[in-house]
C-alpha atoms as a PDB file:
ATOM      1  CA  MET A   1       4.271   1.575 -37.218  1.00  0.00           C
ATOM      2  CA  MET A   2       4.966   2.262 -40.851  1.00  0.00           C
ATOM      3  CA  GLU A   3       6.564   0.861 -43.955  1.00  0.00           C
ATOM      4  CA  ALA A   4       9.466   2.510 -45.728  1.00  0.00           C
ATOM      5  CA  ALA A   5       8.481   5.386 -47.975  1.00  0.00           C
ATOM      6  CA  SER A   6      10.052   6.672 -51.132  1.00  0.00           C
ATOM      7  CA  PHE A   7      11.594  10.054 -50.554  1.00  0.00           C
ATOM      8  CA  ASP A   8      11.786  10.662 -54.265  1.00  0.00           C
ATOM      9  CA  ASN A   9       8.112  10.442 -55.108  1.00  0.00           C
ATOM     10  CA  GLU A  10       6.784  11.705 -51.752  1.00  0.00           C
ATOM     11  CA  GLU A  11       4.674   8.560 -51.149  1.00  0.00           C
ATOM     12  CA  SER A  12       3.058   8.261 -47.769  1.00  0.00           C
ATOM     13  CA  PHE A  13       3.941   5.587 -45.287  1.00  0.00           C
ATOM     14  CA  ASP A  14       1.814   2.560 -44.320  1.00  0.00           C
ATOM     15  CA  VAL A  15       0.963   1.752 -40.741  1.00  0.00           C
ATOM     16  CA  ASP A  16       1.642  -1.565 -39.031  1.00  0.00           C
ATOM     17  CA  ASP A  17       0.000  -4.728 -40.161  1.00  0.00           C
ATOM     18  CA  ALA A  18      -3.573  -4.895 -38.923  1.00  0.00           C
ATOM     19  CA  SER A  19      -2.711  -7.944 -36.859  1.00  0.00           C
ATOM     20  CA  CYS A  20      -0.891  -5.677 -34.440  1.00  0.00           C
ATOM     21  CA  LEU A  21      -3.964  -3.542 -33.742  1.00  0.00           C
ATOM     22  CA  SER A  22      -5.378  -4.304 -30.340  1.00  0.00           C
ATOM     23  CA  GLN A  23      -7.426  -2.368 -27.850  1.00  0.00           C
ATOM     24  CA  GLN A  24      -6.720  -4.936 -25.136  1.00  0.00           C
ATOM     25  CA  ASN A  25      -3.935  -5.017 -22.632  1.00  0.00           C
ATOM     26  CA  PRO A  26      -2.015  -8.242 -23.310  1.00  0.00           C
ATOM     27  CA  GLY A  27      -0.736  -8.211 -19.765  1.00  0.00           C
ATOM     28  CA  ASN A  28      -4.188  -8.177 -18.251  1.00  0.00           C
ATOM     29  CA  ASN A  29      -5.367 -11.049 -20.467  1.00  0.00           C
ATOM     30  CA  SER A  30      -2.766 -13.462 -19.091  1.00  0.00           C
ATOM     31  CA  PRO A  31      -4.274 -16.937 -18.604  1.00  0.00           C
ATOM     32  CA  ALA A  32      -2.526 -17.105 -15.273  1.00  0.00           C
ATOM     33  CA  LYS A  33      -5.292 -16.818 -12.707  1.00  0.00           C
ATOM     34  CA  ARG A  34      -4.922 -13.734 -10.542  1.00  0.00           C
ATOM     35  CA  GLN A  35      -5.725 -14.058  -6.868  1.00  0.00           C
ATOM     36  CA  ASN A  36      -7.205 -10.575  -6.817  1.00  0.00           C
ATOM     37  CA  LYS A  37     -10.046 -10.419  -9.342  1.00  0.00           C
ATOM     38  CA  GLU A  38     -10.632  -6.735  -8.634  1.00  0.00           C
ATOM     39  CA  ILE A  39      -7.372  -5.453 -10.112  1.00  0.00           C
ATOM     40  CA  LYS A  40      -8.182  -2.544 -12.432  1.00  0.00           C
ATOM     41  CA  GLU A  41      -7.070  -2.369 -16.023  1.00  0.00           C
ATOM     42  CA  THR A  42      -4.221   0.141 -16.077  1.00  0.00           C
ATOM     43  CA  LYS A  43      -2.766  -0.236 -19.551  1.00  0.00           C
ATOM     44  CA  ILE A  44      -3.842  -0.472 -23.162  1.00  0.00           C
ATOM     45  CA  THR A  45      -1.886  -1.757 -26.175  1.00  0.00           C
ATOM     46  CA  ILE A  46      -2.296   0.008 -29.500  1.00  0.00           C
ATOM     47  CA  ASN A  47      -0.316  -1.087 -32.558  1.00  0.00           C
ATOM     48  CA  CYS A  48       2.031  -3.110 -30.344  1.00  0.00           C
ATOM     49  CA  VAL A  49       2.822  -0.167 -28.038  1.00  0.00           C
ATOM     50  CA  THR A  50       1.672  -0.209 -24.389  1.00  0.00           C
ATOM     51  CA  PHE A  51       0.244   2.991 -22.885  1.00  0.00           C
ATOM     52  CA  PRO A  52      -1.248   3.833 -19.483  1.00  0.00           C
ATOM     53  CA  LEU A  53      -4.994   4.270 -19.557  1.00  0.00           C
ATOM     54  CA  PRO A  54      -5.840   7.976 -19.163  1.00  0.00           C
ATOM     55  CA  SER A  55      -8.735   7.079 -16.884  1.00  0.00           C
ATOM     56  CA  VAL A  56      -6.390   5.623 -14.247  1.00  0.00           C
ATOM     57  CA  MET A  57      -3.711   8.280 -14.465  1.00  0.00           C
ATOM     58  CA  PRO A  58      -4.862   9.965 -11.194  1.00  0.00           C
ATOM     59  CA  ASP A  59      -3.793   6.789  -9.381  1.00  0.00           C
ATOM     60  CA  GLN A  60      -0.330   6.909 -10.899  1.00  0.00           C
ATOM     61  CA  PRO A  61       2.515   9.435 -11.081  1.00  0.00           C
ATOM     62  CA  GLU A  62       1.637  11.921 -13.791  1.00  0.00           C
ATOM     63  CA  GLN A  63       3.779  11.811 -16.905  1.00  0.00           C
ATOM     64  CA  GLN A  64       5.710  15.023 -17.383  1.00  0.00           C
ATOM     65  CA  LEU A  65       6.459  16.676 -20.716  1.00  0.00           C
ATOM     66  CA  LEU A  66      10.028  16.161 -21.890  1.00  0.00           C
ATOM     67  CA  LYS A  67      10.238  19.797 -23.054  1.00  0.00           C
ATOM     68  CA  PRO A  68       7.676  21.501 -20.783  1.00  0.00           C
ATOM     69  CA  ASN A  69       8.084  25.065 -22.060  1.00  0.00           C
ATOM     70  CA  GLU A  70       8.161  24.288 -25.771  1.00  0.00           C
ATOM     71  CA  TRP A  71       5.806  22.953 -28.414  1.00  0.00           C
ATOM     72  CA  SER A  72       8.333  20.213 -29.072  1.00  0.00           C
ATOM     73  CA  TYR A  73       7.554  17.288 -31.365  1.00  0.00           C
ATOM     74  CA  CYS A  74       8.866  14.893 -28.698  1.00  0.00           C
ATOM     75  CA  ASP A  75       5.861  15.408 -26.394  1.00  0.00           C
ATOM     76  CA  TYR A  76       2.813  15.203 -28.650  1.00  0.00           C
ATOM     77  CA  PHE A  77       3.163  12.280 -31.103  1.00  0.00           C
ATOM     78  CA  TRP A  78       3.444   9.065 -29.089  1.00  0.00           C
ATOM     79  CA  THR A  79       0.103   7.541 -29.992  1.00  0.00           C
ATOM     80  CA  ASP A  80      -1.526   7.120 -33.404  1.00  0.00           C
ATOM     81  CA  LYS A  81      -3.647   9.516 -35.399  1.00  0.00           C
ATOM     82  CA  LYS A  82      -7.215   8.225 -35.709  1.00  0.00           C
ATOM     83  CA  ASP A  83      -9.288   8.019 -38.857  1.00  0.00           C
ATOM     84  CA  PRO A  84     -12.862   9.449 -39.035  1.00  0.00           C
ATOM     85  CA  GLN A  85     -14.187   6.189 -37.538  1.00  0.00           C
ATOM     86  CA  GLY A  86     -11.930   6.602 -34.508  1.00  0.00           C
ATOM     87  CA  THR A  87      -9.589   3.742 -35.432  1.00  0.00           C
ATOM     88  CA  PRO A  88      -5.829   4.301 -34.980  1.00  0.00           C
ATOM     89  CA  SER A  89      -4.520   4.427 -38.536  1.00  0.00           C
ATOM     90  CA  VAL A  90      -1.395   6.583 -38.812  1.00  0.00           C
ATOM     91  CA  GLY A  91       1.563   6.482 -36.453  1.00  0.00           C
ATOM     92  CA  GLY A  92       2.558   9.670 -34.660  1.00  0.00           C
ATOM     93  CA  PHE A  93       6.091   9.514 -36.055  1.00  0.00           C
ATOM     94  CA  GLU A  94       4.648   9.191 -39.551  1.00  0.00           C
ATOM     95  CA  VAL A  95       2.628  12.369 -38.986  1.00  0.00           C
ATOM     96  CA  LEU A  96       5.880  14.153 -38.197  1.00  0.00           C
ATOM     97  CA  LEU A  97       7.650  12.690 -41.218  1.00  0.00           C
ATOM     98  CA  GLN A  98       4.800  13.696 -43.514  1.00  0.00           C
ATOM     99  CA  LYS A  99       5.140  17.243 -42.202  1.00  0.00           C
ATOM    100  CA  GLN A 100       8.846  17.188 -43.033  1.00  0.00           C
ATOM    101  CA  LEU A 101       8.182  15.663 -46.458  1.00  0.00           C
ATOM    102  CA  LYS A 102       5.665  18.378 -47.208  1.00  0.00           C
ATOM    103  CA  GLY A 103       8.291  20.955 -46.277  1.00  0.00           C
ATOM    104  CA  LYS A 104      10.752  19.282 -48.637  1.00  0.00           C
ATOM    105  CA  GLN A 105       8.187  19.455 -51.445  1.00  0.00           C
ATOM    106  CA  MET A 106       7.514  23.119 -50.701  1.00  0.00           C
ATOM    107  CA  GLN A 107      11.264  23.716 -50.866  1.00  0.00           C
ATOM    108  CA  LYS A 108      11.357  22.106 -54.308  1.00  0.00           C
ATOM    109  CA  GLU A 109       8.408  24.147 -55.568  1.00  0.00           C
ATOM    110  CA  MET A 110       9.934  27.370 -54.288  1.00  0.00           C
ATOM    111  CA  ALA A 111      13.158  26.536 -56.122  1.00  0.00           C
ATOM    112  CA  GLU A 112      11.106  25.929 -59.282  1.00  0.00           C
ATOM    113  CA  PHE A 113       9.404  29.293 -58.815  1.00  0.00           C
ATOM    114  CA  VAL A 114      12.790  31.010 -58.514  1.00  0.00           C
ATOM    115  CA  ARG A 115      14.004  29.128 -61.590  1.00  0.00           C
ATOM    116  CA  GLU A 116      11.065  30.421 -63.607  1.00  0.00           C
ATOM    117  CA  ARG A 117      11.776  33.939 -62.385  1.00  0.00           C
ATOM    118  CA  ILE A 118      15.401  33.539 -63.520  1.00  0.00           C
ATOM    119  CA  LYS A 119      14.236  32.523 -66.990  1.00  0.00           C
ATOM    120  CA  ILE A 120      11.948  35.534 -67.195  1.00  0.00           C
ATOM    121  CA  GLU A 121      14.676  37.905 -66.040  1.00  0.00           C
ATOM    122  CA  ASP A 122      17.144  36.430 -68.549  1.00  0.00           C
ATOM    123  CA  GLU A 123      14.698  36.725 -71.407  1.00  0.00           C
ATOM    124  CA  TYR A 124      13.698  40.250 -70.430  1.00  0.00           C
ATOM    125  CA  SER A 125      17.351  41.277 -70.171  1.00  0.00           C
ATOM    126  CA  LYS A 126      18.112  39.889 -73.618  1.00  0.00           C
ATOM    127  CA  ASN A 127      15.137  41.668 -75.179  1.00  0.00           C
ATOM    128  CA  LEU A 128      15.996  45.018 -73.539  1.00  0.00           C
ATOM    129  CA  SER A 129      19.612  44.710 -74.663  1.00  0.00           C
ATOM    130  CA  LYS A 130      18.485  43.933 -78.204  1.00  0.00           C
ATOM    131  CA  LEU A 131      16.074  46.861 -78.145  1.00  0.00           C
ATOM    132  CA  SER A 132      18.797  49.253 -76.974  1.00  0.00           C
ATOM    133  CA  GLN A 133      20.732  48.450 -80.149  1.00  0.00           C
ATOM    134  CA  SER A 134      17.827  49.131 -82.463  1.00  0.00           C
ATOM    135  CA  PRO A 135      18.574  51.622 -85.305  1.00  0.00           C
ATOM    136  CA  LEU A 136      15.065  53.062 -85.097  1.00  0.00           C
ATOM    137  CA  ALA A 137      15.088  56.893 -84.979  1.00  0.00           C
ATOM    138  CA  ALA A 138      18.895  56.869 -84.925  1.00  0.00           C
ATOM    139  CA  GLN A 139      18.951  59.785 -87.351  1.00  0.00           C
ATOM    140  CA  GLU A 140      17.243  62.162 -84.925  1.00  0.00           C
ATOM    141  CA  GLU A 141      19.379  65.300 -84.413  1.00  0.00           C
ATOM    142  CA  GLY A 142      19.899  68.067 -81.864  1.00  0.00           C
ATOM    143  CA  THR A 143      18.773  67.999 -78.259  1.00  0.00           C
ATOM    144  CA  LEU A 144      15.949  65.595 -79.055  1.00  0.00           C
ATOM    145  CA  GLY A 145      18.476  63.284 -80.666  1.00  0.00           C
ATOM    146  CA  GLU A 146      20.572  63.342 -77.486  1.00  0.00           C
ATOM    147  CA  ALA A 147      17.521  62.543 -75.334  1.00  0.00           C
ATOM    148  CA  TRP A 148      16.558  59.690 -77.627  1.00  0.00           C
ATOM    149  CA  ALA A 149      20.071  58.240 -77.502  1.00  0.00           C
ATOM    150  CA  GLN A 150      19.973  58.430 -73.666  1.00  0.00           C
ATOM    151  CA  LEU A 151      16.659  56.597 -73.617  1.00  0.00           C
ATOM    152  CA  LYS A 152      18.193  53.773 -75.620  1.00  0.00           C
ATOM    153  CA  ARG A 153      21.211  53.674 -73.297  1.00  0.00           C
ATOM    154  CA  SER A 154      18.830  53.412 -70.299  1.00  0.00           C
ATOM    155  CA  CYS A 155      17.347  50.289 -71.915  1.00  0.00           C
ATOM    156  CA  HIS A 156      20.832  48.784 -71.998  1.00  0.00           C
ATOM    157  CA  ASP A 157      21.475  49.751 -68.371  1.00  0.00           C
ATOM    158  CA  GLU A 158      18.159  48.221 -67.285  1.00  0.00           C
ATOM    159  CA  ALA A 159      19.048  45.051 -69.189  1.00  0.00           C
ATOM    160  CA  GLU A 160      22.271  44.842 -67.187  1.00  0.00           C
ATOM    161  CA  VAL A 161      20.359  45.254 -63.923  1.00  0.00           C
ATOM    162  CA  HIS A 162      17.985  42.400 -64.780  1.00  0.00           C
ATOM    163  CA  LEU A 163      20.866  40.181 -65.865  1.00  0.00           C
ATOM    164  CA  LYS A 164      22.689  40.855 -62.590  1.00  0.00           C
ATOM    165  CA  PHE A 165      19.503  40.160 -60.640  1.00  0.00           C
ATOM    166  CA  SER A 166      19.042  36.872 -62.551  1.00  0.00           C
ATOM    167  CA  ASN A 167      22.603  35.728 -61.830  1.00  0.00           C
ATOM    168  CA  LYS A 168      22.268  36.456 -58.123  1.00  0.00           C
ATOM    169  CA  LEU A 169      18.975  34.587 -57.966  1.00  0.00           C
ATOM    170  CA  GLN A 170      20.600  31.550 -59.524  1.00  0.00           C
ATOM    171  CA  CYS A 171      23.781  31.502 -57.442  1.00  0.00           C
ATOM    172  CA  GLU A 172      22.559  32.766 -54.092  1.00  0.00           C
ATOM    173  CA  VAL A 173      18.908  31.701 -53.979  1.00  0.00           C
ATOM    174  CA  GLU A 174      18.101  28.753 -56.263  1.00  0.00           C
ATOM    175  CA  LYS A 175      21.238  26.715 -55.554  1.00  0.00           C
ATOM    176  CA  PRO A 176      21.004  27.065 -51.727  1.00  0.00           C
ATOM    177  CA  LEU A 177      17.339  26.058 -51.874  1.00  0.00           C
ATOM    178  CA  LEU A 178      18.135  22.900 -53.820  1.00  0.00           C
ATOM    179  CA  THR A 179      21.152  22.060 -51.646  1.00  0.00           C
ATOM    180  CA  PHE A 180      19.104  22.423 -48.464  1.00  0.00           C
ATOM    181  CA  ARG A 181      16.404  20.205 -49.966  1.00  0.00           C
ATOM    182  CA  ASP A 182      18.902  17.444 -50.826  1.00  0.00           C
ATOM    183  CA  ASN A 183      20.345  17.481 -47.295  1.00  0.00           C
ATOM    184  CA  PHE A 184      16.794  17.566 -45.922  1.00  0.00           C
ATOM    185  CA  LYS A 185      15.993  14.406 -47.894  1.00  0.00           C
ATOM    186  CA  LYS A 186      19.060  12.524 -46.634  1.00  0.00           C
ATOM    187  CA  GLU A 187      18.340  13.363 -42.993  1.00  0.00           C
ATOM    188  CA  LEU A 188      14.701  12.281 -43.232  1.00  0.00           C
ATOM    189  CA  LYS A 189      15.589   8.999 -44.899  1.00  0.00           C
ATOM    190  CA  LYS A 190      18.126   8.211 -42.173  1.00  0.00           C
ATOM    191  CA  TYR A 191      15.668   8.937 -39.376  1.00  0.00           C
ATOM    192  CA  ASP A 192      12.805   7.089 -41.040  1.00  0.00           C
ATOM    193  CA  HIS A 193      14.667   3.839 -41.698  1.00  0.00           C
ATOM    194  CA  HIS A 194      16.073   3.731 -38.167  1.00  0.00           C
ATOM    195  CA  ILE A 195      12.676   4.163 -36.503  1.00  0.00           C
ATOM    196  CA  ILE A 196      11.045   1.661 -38.875  1.00  0.00           C
ATOM    197  CA  ASP A 197      13.607  -1.009 -37.922  1.00  0.00           C
ATOM    198  CA  LEU A 198      13.013  -0.444 -34.209  1.00  0.00           C
ATOM    199  CA  ARG A 199       9.254  -0.500 -34.743  1.00  0.00           C
ATOM    200  CA  LYS A 200       9.437  -3.808 -36.595  1.00  0.00           C
ATOM    201  CA  GLN A 201      11.509  -5.252 -33.777  1.00  0.00           C
ATOM    202  CA  LEU A 202       8.912  -4.101 -31.266  1.00  0.00           C
ATOM    203  CA  ALA A 203       6.114  -5.705 -33.305  1.00  0.00           C
ATOM    204  CA  SER A 204       8.126  -8.936 -33.423  1.00  0.00           C
ATOM    205  CA  ARG A 205       8.584  -8.914 -29.648  1.00  0.00           C
ATOM    206  CA  TYR A 206       4.885  -8.297 -29.187  1.00  0.00           C
ATOM    207  CA  ALA A 207       4.115 -11.320 -31.379  1.00  0.00           C
ATOM    208  CA  GLY A 208       6.487 -13.350 -29.208  1.00  0.00           C
ATOM    209  CA  VAL A 209       4.561 -12.321 -26.087  1.00  0.00           C
ATOM    210  CA  GLU A 210       1.250 -13.326 -27.657  1.00  0.00           C
ATOM    211  CA  LYS A 211       2.661 -16.674 -28.746  1.00  0.00           C
ATOM    212  CA  ALA A 212       4.061 -17.351 -25.259  1.00  0.00           C
ATOM    213  CA  ARG A 213       0.769 -16.297 -23.688  1.00  0.00           C
ATOM    214  CA  LYS A 214      -1.141 -18.773 -25.848  1.00  0.00           C
ATOM    215  CA  ALA A 215       1.346 -21.531 -25.002  1.00  0.00           C
ATOM    216  CA  LEU A 216       0.870 -20.851 -21.280  1.00  0.00           C
ATOM    217  CA  ALA A 217      -2.906 -20.957 -21.650  1.00  0.00           C
ATOM    218  CA  ASP A 218      -2.661 -24.305 -23.430  1.00  0.00           C
ATOM    219  CA  ARG A 219      -0.366 -25.741 -20.746  1.00  0.00           C
ATOM    220  CA  GLN A 220      -2.598 -24.546 -17.929  1.00  0.00           C
ATOM    221  CA  LYS A 221      -5.651 -25.983 -19.639  1.00  0.00           C
ATOM    222  CA  ASP A 222      -3.845 -29.303 -20.060  1.00  0.00           C
ATOM    223  CA  LEU A 223      -2.856 -29.260 -16.370  1.00  0.00           C
ATOM    224  CA  GLU A 224      -6.427 -28.524 -15.335  1.00  0.00           C
ATOM    225  CA  VAL A 225      -7.794 -31.372 -17.462  1.00  0.00           C
ATOM    226  CA  LYS A 226      -5.285 -33.861 -16.063  1.00  0.00           C
ATOM    227  CA  THR A 227      -6.019 -32.751 -12.496  1.00  0.00           C
ATOM    228  CA  GLN A 228      -9.746 -33.304 -13.001  1.00  0.00           C
ATOM    229  CA  GLN A 229      -9.086 -36.794 -14.392  1.00  0.00           C
ATOM    230  CA  LEU A 230      -7.276 -37.874 -11.232  1.00  0.00           C
ATOM    231  CA  ASP A 231      -8.820 -40.975  -9.597  1.00  0.00           C
ATOM    232  CA  ILE A 232      -7.740 -43.538  -7.039  1.00  0.00           C
ATOM    233  CA  LYS A 233      -7.474 -46.404  -9.492  1.00  0.00           C
ATOM    234  CA  HIS A 234      -4.866 -44.816 -11.696  1.00  0.00           C
ATOM    235  CA  MET A 235      -3.390 -42.431  -9.145  1.00  0.00           C
ATOM    236  CA  ASN A 236       0.287 -43.166  -9.853  1.00  0.00           C
ATOM    237  CA  LYS A 237      -0.049 -42.715 -13.614  1.00  0.00           C
ATOM    238  CA  HIS A 238      -2.097 -39.537 -13.265  1.00  0.00           C
ATOM    239  CA  GLU A 239       0.269 -38.067 -10.669  1.00  0.00           C
ATOM    240  CA  GLU A 240       3.146 -38.477 -13.117  1.00  0.00           C
ATOM    241  CA  ASP A 241       1.110 -36.830 -15.903  1.00  0.00           C
ATOM    242  CA  ILE A 242       0.197 -33.983 -13.564  1.00  0.00           C
ATOM    243  CA  LYS A 243       3.853 -33.422 -12.625  1.00  0.00           C
ATOM    244  CA  LYS A 244       4.808 -33.239 -16.313  1.00  0.00           C
ATOM    245  CA  ALA A 245       1.931 -30.896 -17.055  1.00  0.00           C
ATOM    246  CA  ARG A 246       2.888 -28.713 -14.083  1.00  0.00           C
ATOM    247  CA  ARG A 247       6.522 -28.530 -15.235  1.00  0.00           C
ATOM    248  CA  LYS A 248       5.433 -27.563 -18.745  1.00  0.00           C
ATOM    249  CA  SER A 249       3.055 -24.968 -17.331  1.00  0.00           C
ATOM    250  CA  THR A 250       5.820 -23.495 -15.162  1.00  0.00           C
ATOM    251  CA  GLN A 251       8.199 -23.444 -18.118  1.00  0.00           C
ATOM    252  CA  ALA A 252       5.556 -21.733 -20.251  1.00  0.00           C
ATOM    253  CA  GLY A 253       5.082 -19.124 -17.519  1.00  0.00           C
ATOM    254  CA  ASP A 254       8.826 -18.471 -17.398  1.00  0.00           C
ATOM    255  CA  ASP A 255       8.896 -18.219 -21.185  1.00  0.00           C
ATOM    256  CA  LEU A 256       6.088 -15.650 -21.103  1.00  0.00           C
ATOM    257  CA  MET A 257       7.941 -13.565 -18.525  1.00  0.00           C
ATOM    258  CA  HIS A 258      11.081 -13.723 -20.669  1.00  0.00           C
ATOM    259  CA  ASN A 259       9.192 -12.571 -23.766  1.00  0.00           C
ATOM    260  CA  VAL A 260       7.561  -9.721 -21.859  1.00  0.00           C
ATOM    261  CA  ASP A 261      11.004  -8.639 -20.685  1.00  0.00           C
ATOM    262  CA  LEU A 262      12.274  -8.675 -24.300  1.00  0.00           C
ATOM    263  CA  TYR A 263       9.236  -6.676 -25.365  1.00  0.00           C
ATOM    264  CA  ASN A 264       9.769  -4.070 -22.637  1.00  0.00           C
ATOM    265  CA  ARG A 265      13.406  -3.699 -23.641  1.00  0.00           C
ATOM    266  CA  ALA A 266      12.475  -3.269 -27.306  1.00  0.00           C
ATOM    267  CA  GLN A 267       9.834  -0.687 -26.444  1.00  0.00           C
ATOM    268  CA  SER A 268      12.237   1.182 -24.188  1.00  0.00           C
ATOM    269  CA  LYS A 269      14.833   1.232 -26.983  1.00  0.00           C
ATOM    270  CA  TRP A 270      12.245   2.522 -29.467  1.00  0.00           C
ATOM    271  CA  PHE A 271      11.111   5.188 -27.023  1.00  0.00           C
ATOM    272  CA  GLU A 272      14.642   6.414 -26.323  1.00  0.00           C
ATOM    273  CA  GLU A 273      15.636   6.501 -29.995  1.00  0.00           C
ATOM    274  CA  MET A 274      12.410   8.180 -31.063  1.00  0.00           C
ATOM    275  CA  ALA A 275      12.774  10.824 -28.350  1.00  0.00           C
ATOM    276  CA  ASP A 276      16.355  11.545 -29.405  1.00  0.00           C
ATOM    277  CA  ILE A 277      15.467  11.740 -33.098  1.00  0.00           C
ATOM    278  CA  VAL A 278      12.376  13.869 -32.600  1.00  0.00           C
ATOM    279  CA  LEU A 279      14.302  16.259 -30.359  1.00  0.00           C
ATOM    280  CA  ALA A 280      16.807  16.601 -33.189  1.00  0.00           C
ATOM    281  CA  LEU A 281      14.066  16.875 -35.809  1.00  0.00           C
ATOM    282  CA  ARG A 282      14.413  20.609 -36.301  1.00  0.00           C
ATOM    283  CA  LEU A 283      14.483  20.383 -40.077  1.00  0.00           C
ATOM    284  CA  GLU A 284      11.154  22.142 -40.501  1.00  0.00           C
ATOM    285  CA  VAL A 285      12.153  25.018 -38.210  1.00  0.00           C
ATOM    286  CA  GLU A 286      15.458  25.311 -40.054  1.00  0.00           C
ATOM    287  CA  ARG A 287      13.636  25.251 -43.386  1.00  0.00           C
ATOM    288  CA  VAL A 288      11.303  28.106 -42.430  1.00  0.00           C
ATOM    289  CA  GLU A 289      14.203  30.179 -41.142  1.00  0.00           C
ATOM    290  CA  MET A 290      16.241  29.415 -44.248  1.00  0.00           C
ATOM    291  CA  ILE A 291      13.380  30.480 -46.554  1.00  0.00           C
ATOM    292  CA  ARG A 292      12.906  33.647 -44.521  1.00  0.00           C
ATOM    293  CA  GLN A 293      16.572  34.503 -44.979  1.00  0.00           C
ATOM    294  CA  VAL A 294      16.258  33.795 -48.710  1.00  0.00           C
ATOM    295  CA  PHE A 295      13.322  36.182 -48.928  1.00  0.00           C
ATOM    296  CA  ILE A 296      15.305  38.839 -47.104  1.00  0.00           C
ATOM    297  CA  PHE A 297      18.158  38.405 -49.547  1.00  0.00           C
ATOM    298  CA  ILE A 298      15.808  38.640 -52.535  1.00  0.00           C
ATOM    299  CA  LEU A 299      14.452  41.899 -51.137  1.00  0.00           C
ATOM    300  CA  PHE A 300      17.983  43.144 -50.562  1.00  0.00           C
ATOM    301  CA  ILE A 301      19.085  42.596 -54.134  1.00  0.00           C
ATOM    302  CA  SER A 302      15.734  43.922 -55.349  1.00  0.00           C
ATOM    303  CA  HIS A 303      16.349  47.173 -53.496  1.00  0.00           C
ATOM    304  CA  GLU A 304      19.507  47.646 -55.506  1.00  0.00           C
ATOM    305  CA  THR A 305      17.276  49.079 -58.188  1.00  0.00           C
ATOM    306  CA  ASP A 306      14.503  51.548 -57.389  1.00  0.00           C
ATOM    307  CA  MET A 307      12.122  49.939 -59.875  1.00  0.00           C
ATOM    308  CA  PHE A 308      11.434  47.053 -57.438  1.00  0.00           C
ATOM    309  CA  ASN A 309      10.895  49.081 -54.275  1.00  0.00           C
ATOM    310  CA  GLN A 310       7.135  49.520 -54.459  1.00  0.00           C
ATOM    311  CA  MET A 311       6.610  45.852 -55.284  1.00  0.00           C
ATOM    312  CA  VAL A 312       8.705  44.405 -52.466  1.00  0.00           C
ATOM    313  CA  GLU A 313       7.629  46.641 -49.586  1.00  0.00           C
ATOM    314  CA  PRO A 314       4.431  44.618 -48.767  1.00  0.00           C
ATOM    315  CA  VAL A 315       6.494  41.392 -48.733  1.00  0.00           C
ATOM    316  CA  ASP A 316       9.086  43.087 -46.552  1.00  0.00           C
ATOM    317  CA  GLN A 317       6.393  43.894 -44.011  1.00  0.00           C
ATOM    318  CA  LEU A 318       5.050  40.323 -44.012  1.00  0.00           C
ATOM    319  CA  LEU A 319       8.525  38.913 -43.422  1.00  0.00           C
ATOM    320  CA  GLN A 320       8.602  40.667 -40.066  1.00  0.00           C
ATOM    321  CA  ASN A 321       5.839  38.265 -38.947  1.00  0.00           C
ATOM    322  CA  VAL A 322       7.541  35.027 -40.048  1.00  0.00           C
ATOM    323  CA  ASP A 323       8.255  33.001 -36.895  1.00  0.00           C
ATOM    324  CA  PRO A 324       9.346  29.317 -37.158  1.00  0.00           C
ATOM    325  CA  ALA A 325       8.548  28.662 -33.480  1.00  0.00           C
ATOM    326  CA  LYS A 326       5.021  30.036 -33.870  1.00  0.00           C
ATOM    327  CA  ASP A 327       4.507  27.979 -37.020  1.00  0.00           C
ATOM    328  CA  ARG A 328       5.497  24.833 -35.110  1.00  0.00           C
ATOM    329  CA  GLU A 329       3.190  25.665 -32.202  1.00  0.00           C
ATOM    330  CA  LEU A 330       0.194  26.150 -34.509  1.00  0.00           C
ATOM    331  CA  TRP A 331       0.933  22.932 -36.401  1.00  0.00           C
ATOM    332  CA  VAL A 332       1.467  20.812 -33.273  1.00  0.00           C
ATOM    333  CA  GLN A 333      -1.771  22.086 -31.734  1.00  0.00           C
ATOM    334  CA  GLU A 334      -3.688  21.027 -34.841  1.00  0.00           C
ATOM    335  CA  HIS A 335      -1.996  17.699 -35.603  1.00  0.00           C
ATOM    336  CA  LYS A 336      -0.786  16.228 -32.282  1.00  0.00           C
ATOM    337  CA  THR A 337      -1.756  12.573 -31.800  1.00  0.00           C
ATOM    338  CA  GLY A 338      -1.235  12.009 -28.076  1.00  0.00           C
ATOM    339  CA  GLU A 339       0.829  13.124 -25.104  1.00  0.00           C
ATOM    340  CA  LEU A 340       0.849   9.883 -23.081  1.00  0.00           C
ATOM    341  CA  ARG A 341       4.148   8.033 -23.406  1.00  0.00           C
ATOM    342  CA  PRO A 342       4.616   4.221 -23.523  1.00  0.00           C
ATOM    343  CA  VAL A 343       4.999   2.187 -20.341  1.00  0.00           C
ATOM    344  CA  ASP A 344       6.124  -1.366 -19.605  1.00  0.00           C
ATOM    345  CA  MET A 345       3.782  -4.272 -20.249  1.00  0.00           C
ATOM    346  CA  ASP A 346       2.501  -6.240 -17.274  1.00  0.00           C
ATOM    347  CA  ILE A 347       1.688  -9.913 -16.990  1.00  0.00           C
END
């Protein structure tokens, strides 16, 4: 479905080799002649994965959602995302990974934003502290002199507040953001490589089916030619050739069935592993919740000084509306690629 991506430079993944793209059901194109010519097409193969045709679903048991009461990733990304021309171009699992990668990048940029804020707070604290030590108007006397001295002391106190705020941002906001991002990266890389390996195996099994199908077609054609060449004069020789051709055709048919069985096993393995991984793919929900908690903490330490109160109140109100589950629902509705799950290939 996709090639390995670099998790350091956020490159996108590539889809399967174009040779795997097929809108035909390999099972229904078997050279073996069916007795019933009226059998309906029931399956379609896209990028080496076999799906039931939606048009025939009423004749079959309806596929049920794996997580019926949730907007879970595991139910909406089995097929491929289509390009503007309607051609399948991006695998559903890749769509999910790109969402996670975008979240990782947002995590990095948020950490950079916090880092810049830390620099500003540090610089501001240093300048206020320096200003509080200025000798300007130090000779003022009387009650005005006392008020002036208090004003300078307030500059020093404010400098201490900003320095404390900067330290807390660094230790309790920036570092957790970066740590979460690093763990995020490791988890994504593990999931991605595992699914890619299974997908490559599935593509290999599909190629084996196609090769076996072609071999069967060649053997059947050879048998048909030899049967048509049968005549009385050379009956014994032709009968022997026909027996050999029939044995080869039978062997080719058995080989095709074996390859289809291997393909079905590989697809079943891919399906099971993908379902398990996607069900566990809660990194984006965890990221949103983690960022929300970070925001709450920033507001908490901001409230320690009254000077921030007016600025943080609007953000405080918006945080009440942050909902990771709602974010996932909105994203899945917009980006889902397909709800139909893979099924076994027929021959």
